[in-house]
Amino acid sequence: MTYRITDDCLCCGACADECPSSAIGEGEDKYVIDQDKCVECGTCAENCPAEAIVEE
């Protein structure tokens, strides 16, 4: 499953801090997931306080 960060992102960094593959980084106006590094574990979605990470 592919994950995507929506516009509801608070830019708090909780997802990036918990990502085991360092696939999440700061974008222009929200965090973004590098799909080449993502291992699709769902840890980011589980740790997002804004529930801004969704499965595609």
PDB file of N, CA and C in Angstrom:
ATOM      1  N   MET A   1       0.830  -1.180   0.000  1.00  0.00           N
ATOM      2  CA  MET A   1       0.000   0.000   0.000  1.00  0.00           C
ATOM      3  C   MET A   1       0.876   1.246   0.000  1.00  0.00           C
ATOM      4  N   THR A   2       0.482   2.213  -0.756  1.00  0.00           N
ATOM      5  CA  THR A   2       1.217   3.469  -0.809  1.00  0.00           C
ATOM      6  C   THR A   2       0.569   4.468   0.143  1.00  0.00           C
ATOM      7  N   TYR A   3       1.396   5.235   0.817  1.00  0.00           N
ATOM      8  CA  TYR A   3       0.897   6.257   1.740  1.00  0.00           C
ATOM      9  C   TYR A   3       1.160   7.637   1.155  1.00  0.00           C
ATOM     10  N   ARG A   4       0.268   8.584   1.492  1.00  0.00           N
ATOM     11  CA  ARG A   4       0.370   9.952   1.011  1.00  0.00           C
ATOM     12  C   ARG A   4       0.027  10.887   2.164  1.00  0.00           C
ATOM     13  N   ILE A   5       0.733  12.000   2.251  1.00  0.00           N
ATOM     14  CA  ILE A   5       0.461  12.998   3.277  1.00  0.00           C
ATOM     15  C   ILE A   5      -0.453  14.062   2.673  1.00  0.00           C
ATOM     16  N   THR A   6      -1.584  14.286   3.315  1.00  0.00           N
ATOM     17  CA  THR A   6      -2.579  15.233   2.806  1.00  0.00           C
ATOM     18  C   THR A   6      -2.274  16.660   3.250  1.00  0.00           C
ATOM     19  N   ASP A   7      -3.099  17.585   2.785  1.00  0.00           N
ATOM     20  CA  ASP A   7      -2.949  18.992   3.152  1.00  0.00           C
ATOM     21  C   ASP A   7      -3.292  19.259   4.612  1.00  0.00           C
ATOM     22  N   ASP A   8      -3.787  18.253   5.327  1.00  0.00           N
ATOM     23  CA  ASP A   8      -4.074  18.396   6.756  1.00  0.00           C
ATOM     24  C   ASP A   8      -2.811  18.325   7.610  1.00  0.00           C
ATOM     25  N   CYS A   9      -1.663  18.099   6.983  1.00  0.00           N
ATOM     26  CA  CYS A   9      -0.378  17.986   7.675  1.00  0.00           C
ATOM     27  C   CYS A   9      -0.105  19.235   8.510  1.00  0.00           C
ATOM     28  N   LEU A  10       0.284  19.024   9.762  1.00  0.00           N
ATOM     29  CA  LEU A  10       0.600  20.114  10.685  1.00  0.00           C
ATOM     30  C   LEU A  10       2.084  20.490  10.662  1.00  0.00           C
ATOM     31  N   CYS A  11       2.879  19.756   9.899  1.00  0.00           N
ATOM     32  CA  CYS A  11       4.337  19.958   9.820  1.00  0.00           C
ATOM     33  C   CYS A  11       4.993  19.814  11.187  1.00  0.00           C
ATOM     34  N   CYS A  12       4.495  18.879  11.983  1.00  0.00           N
ATOM     35  CA  CYS A  12       5.034  18.674  13.332  1.00  0.00           C
ATOM     36  C   CYS A  12       6.264  17.759  13.338  1.00  0.00           C
ATOM     37  N   GLY A  13       6.415  16.933  12.296  1.00  0.00           N
ATOM     38  CA  GLY A  13       7.569  16.056  12.200  1.00  0.00           C
ATOM     39  C   GLY A  13       7.430  14.717  12.898  1.00  0.00           C
ATOM     40  N   ALA A  14       6.290  14.448  13.508  1.00  0.00           N
ATOM     41  CA  ALA A  14       6.106  13.181  14.221  1.00  0.00           C
ATOM     42  C   ALA A  14       6.285  11.990  13.289  1.00  0.00           C
ATOM     43  N   CYS A  15       5.787  12.091  12.081  1.00  0.00           N
ATOM     44  CA  CYS A  15       5.899  10.987  11.127  1.00  0.00           C
ATOM     45  C   CYS A  15       7.351  10.752  10.724  1.00  0.00           C
ATOM     46  N   ALA A  16       8.075  11.825  10.458  1.00  0.00           N
ATOM     47  CA  ALA A  16       9.474  11.720  10.040  1.00  0.00           C
ATOM     48  C   ALA A  16      10.340  11.128  11.146  1.00  0.00           C
ATOM     49  N   ASP A  17      10.068  11.511  12.383  1.00  0.00           N
ATOM     50  CA  ASP A  17      10.839  11.005  13.516  1.00  0.00           C
ATOM     51  C   ASP A  17      10.676   9.502  13.695  1.00  0.00           C
ATOM     52  N   GLU A  18       9.520   8.972  13.350  1.00  0.00           N
ATOM     53  CA  GLU A  18       9.236   7.558  13.570  1.00  0.00           C
ATOM     54  C   GLU A  18       9.478   6.668  12.355  1.00  0.00           C
ATOM     55  N   CYS A  19       9.698   7.252  11.187  1.00  0.00           N
ATOM     56  CA  CYS A  19       9.862   6.467   9.962  1.00  0.00           C
ATOM     57  C   CYS A  19      11.148   5.640  10.014  1.00  0.00           C
ATOM     58  N   PRO A  20      11.033   4.300   9.946  1.00  0.00           N
ATOM     59  CA  PRO A  20      12.217   3.445  10.043  1.00  0.00           C
ATOM     60  C   PRO A  20      13.120   3.490   8.812  1.00  0.00           C
ATOM     61  N   SER A  21      12.605   3.980   7.692  1.00  0.00           N
ATOM     62  CA  SER A  21      13.422   4.021   6.483  1.00  0.00           C
ATOM     63  C   SER A  21      13.808   5.446   6.069  1.00  0.00           C
ATOM     64  N   SER A  22      13.557   6.411   6.936  1.00  0.00           N
ATOM     65  CA  SER A  22      13.884   7.822   6.665  1.00  0.00           C
ATOM     66  C   SER A  22      13.322   8.287   5.327  1.00  0.00           C
ATOM     67  N   ALA A  23      12.088   7.887   5.049  1.00  0.00           N
ATOM     68  CA  ALA A  23      11.456   8.206   3.774  1.00  0.00           C
ATOM     69  C   ALA A  23      10.661   9.504   3.799  1.00  0.00           C
ATOM     70  N   ILE A  24      10.577  10.157   4.945  1.00  0.00           N
ATOM     71  CA  ILE A  24       9.747  11.354   5.062  1.00  0.00           C
ATOM     72  C   ILE A  24      10.623  12.571   5.339  1.00  0.00           C
ATOM     73  N   GLY A  25      10.370  13.628   4.583  1.00  0.00           N
ATOM     74  CA  GLY A  25      11.124  14.859   4.764  1.00  0.00           C
ATOM     75  C   GLY A  25      10.231  16.067   4.562  1.00  0.00           C
ATOM     76  N   GLU A  26      10.763  17.227   4.890  1.00  0.00           N
ATOM     77  CA  GLU A  26      10.008  18.471   4.751  1.00  0.00           C
ATOM     78  C   GLU A  26       9.880  18.849   3.287  1.00  0.00           C
ATOM     79  N   GLY A  27       8.655  19.180   2.904  1.00  0.00           N
ATOM     80  CA  GLY A  27       8.396  19.711   1.580  1.00  0.00           C
ATOM     81  C   GLY A  27       8.205  21.215   1.678  1.00  0.00           C
ATOM     82  N   GLU A  28       7.612  21.813   0.653  1.00  0.00           N
ATOM     83  CA  GLU A  28       7.404  23.258   0.666  1.00  0.00           C
ATOM     84  C   GLU A  28       6.393  23.695   1.713  1.00  0.00           C
ATOM     85  N   ASP A  29       5.253  23.003   1.767  1.00  0.00           N
ATOM     86  CA  ASP A  29       4.204  23.409   2.706  1.00  0.00           C
ATOM     87  C   ASP A  29       3.701  22.279   3.578  1.00  0.00           C
ATOM     88  N   LYS A  30       4.276  21.095   3.436  1.00  0.00           N
ATOM     89  CA  LYS A  30       3.934  19.937   4.260  1.00  0.00           C
ATOM     90  C   LYS A  30       5.042  18.898   4.105  1.00  0.00           C
ATOM     91  N   TYR A  31       5.007  17.896   4.940  1.00  0.00           N
ATOM     92  CA  TYR A  31       5.977  16.816   4.807  1.00  0.00           C
ATOM     93  C   TYR A  31       5.602  15.955   3.611  1.00  0.00           C
ATOM     94  N   VAL A  32       6.588  15.280   3.032  1.00  0.00           N
ATOM     95  CA  VAL A  32       6.352  14.432   1.863  1.00  0.00           C
ATOM     96  C   VAL A  32       7.031  13.078   2.076  1.00  0.00           C
ATOM     97  N   ILE A  33       6.484  12.067   1.428  1.00  0.00           N
ATOM     98  CA  ILE A  33       7.024  10.708   1.516  1.00  0.00           C
ATOM     99  C   ILE A  33       7.761  10.387   0.222  1.00  0.00           C
ATOM    100  N   ASP A  34       9.011   9.980   0.344  1.00  0.00           N
ATOM    101  CA  ASP A  34       9.796   9.534  -0.803  1.00  0.00           C
ATOM    102  C   ASP A  34       9.396   8.088  -1.068  1.00  0.00           C
ATOM    103  N   GLN A  35       8.638   7.866  -2.120  1.00  0.00           N
ATOM    104  CA  GLN A  35       8.105   6.531  -2.402  1.00  0.00           C
ATOM    105  C   GLN A  35       9.194   5.507  -2.711  1.00  0.00           C
ATOM    106  N   ASP A  36      10.360   5.962  -3.144  1.00  0.00           N
ATOM    107  CA  ASP A  36      11.464   5.036  -3.417  1.00  0.00           C
ATOM    108  C   ASP A  36      12.072   4.478  -2.134  1.00  0.00           C
ATOM    109  N   LYS A  37      11.955   5.224  -1.032  1.00  0.00           N
ATOM    110  CA  LYS A  37      12.502   4.777   0.252  1.00  0.00           C
ATOM    111  C   LYS A  37      11.449   4.119   1.143  1.00  0.00           C
ATOM    112  N   CYS A  38      10.179   4.423   0.912  1.00  0.00           N
ATOM    113  CA  CYS A  38       9.094   3.941   1.769  1.00  0.00           C
ATOM    114  C   CYS A  38       8.980   2.417   1.717  1.00  0.00           C
ATOM    115  N   VAL A  39       8.891   1.791   2.887  1.00  0.00           N
ATOM    116  CA  VAL A  39       8.726   0.341   2.972  1.00  0.00           C
ATOM    117  C   VAL A  39       7.271  -0.039   3.265  1.00  0.00           C
ATOM    118  N   GLU A  40       6.380   0.966   3.237  1.00  0.00           N
ATOM    119  CA  GLU A  40       4.940   0.768   3.379  1.00  0.00           C
ATOM    120  C   GLU A  40       4.549   0.066   4.673  1.00  0.00           C
ATOM    121  N   CYS A  41       5.206   0.445   5.768  1.00  0.00           N
ATOM    122  CA  CYS A  41       4.938  -0.191   7.058  1.00  0.00           C
ATOM    123  C   CYS A  41       3.759   0.429   7.801  1.00  0.00           C
ATOM    124  N   GLY A  42       3.413   1.692   7.481  1.00  0.00           N
ATOM    125  CA  GLY A  42       2.292   2.359   8.126  1.00  0.00           C
ATOM    126  C   GLY A  42       2.619   3.056   9.431  1.00  0.00           C
ATOM    127  N   THR A  43       3.875   3.029   9.841  1.00  0.00           N
ATOM    128  CA  THR A  43       4.275   3.674  11.091  1.00  0.00           C
ATOM    129  C   THR A  43       3.967   5.169  11.055  1.00  0.00           C
ATOM    130  N   CYS A  44       4.141   5.784   9.909  1.00  0.00           N
ATOM    131  CA  CYS A  44       3.868   7.218   9.784  1.00  0.00           C
ATOM    132  C   CYS A  44       2.402   7.525  10.074  1.00  0.00           C
ATOM    133  N   ALA A  45       1.518   6.767   9.486  1.00  0.00           N
ATOM    134  CA  ALA A  45       0.081   6.987   9.678  1.00  0.00           C
ATOM    135  C   ALA A  45      -0.322   6.753  11.133  1.00  0.00           C
ATOM    136  N   GLU A  46       0.282   5.765  11.758  1.00  0.00           N
ATOM    137  CA  GLU A  46      -0.031   5.457  13.158  1.00  0.00           C
ATOM    138  C   GLU A  46       0.406   6.574  14.094  1.00  0.00           C
ATOM    139  N   ASN A  47       1.448   7.316  13.731  1.00  0.00           N
ATOM    140  CA  ASN A  47       2.011   8.340  14.605  1.00  0.00           C
ATOM    141  C   ASN A  47       1.612   9.767  14.251  1.00  0.00           C
ATOM    142  N   CYS A  48       0.788   9.943  13.231  1.00  0.00           N
ATOM    143  CA  CYS A  48       0.383  11.280  12.817  1.00  0.00           C
ATOM    144  C   CYS A  48      -0.758  11.786  13.698  1.00  0.00           C
ATOM    145  N   PRO A  49      -0.534  12.856  14.479  1.00  0.00           N
ATOM    146  CA  PRO A  49      -1.580  13.372  15.358  1.00  0.00           C
ATOM    147  C   PRO A  49      -2.745  14.016  14.608  1.00  0.00           C
ATOM    148  N   ALA A  50      -2.517  14.418  13.356  1.00  0.00           N
ATOM    149  CA  ALA A  50      -3.566  15.069  12.577  1.00  0.00           C
ATOM    150  C   ALA A  50      -4.300  14.090  11.658  1.00  0.00           C
ATOM    151  N   GLU A  51      -3.874  12.830  11.693  1.00  0.00           N
ATOM    152  CA  GLU A  51      -4.428  11.802  10.793  1.00  0.00           C
ATOM    153  C   GLU A  51      -4.366  12.269   9.341  1.00  0.00           C
ATOM    154  N   ALA A  52      -3.230  12.882   8.989  1.00  0.00           N
ATOM    155  CA  ALA A  52      -3.042  13.457   7.672  1.00  0.00           C
ATOM    156  C   ALA A  52      -2.353  12.505   6.694  1.00  0.00           C
ATOM    157  N   ILE A  53      -2.105  11.277   7.110  1.00  0.00           N
ATOM    158  CA  ILE A  53      -1.443  10.315   6.226  1.00  0.00           C
ATOM    159  C   ILE A  53      -2.445   9.225   5.884  1.00  0.00           C
ATOM    160  N   VAL A  54      -2.674   9.053   4.581  1.00  0.00           N
ATOM    161  CA  VAL A  54      -3.699   8.119   4.121  1.00  0.00           C
ATOM    162  C   VAL A  54      -3.100   7.097   3.165  1.00  0.00           C
ATOM    163  N   GLU A  55      -3.755   5.966   3.075  1.00  0.00           N
ATOM    164  CA  GLU A  55      -3.372   4.930   2.124  1.00  0.00           C
ATOM    165  C   GLU A  55      -3.982   5.268   0.766  1.00  0.00           C
ATOM    166  N   GLU A  56      -3.243   4.985  -0.278  1.00  0.00           N
ATOM    167  CA  GLU A  56      -3.773   5.203  -1.628  1.00  0.00           C
ATOM    168  C   GLU A  56      -4.101   3.885  -2.269  1.00  0.00           C
TER     169      GLU A  56
END
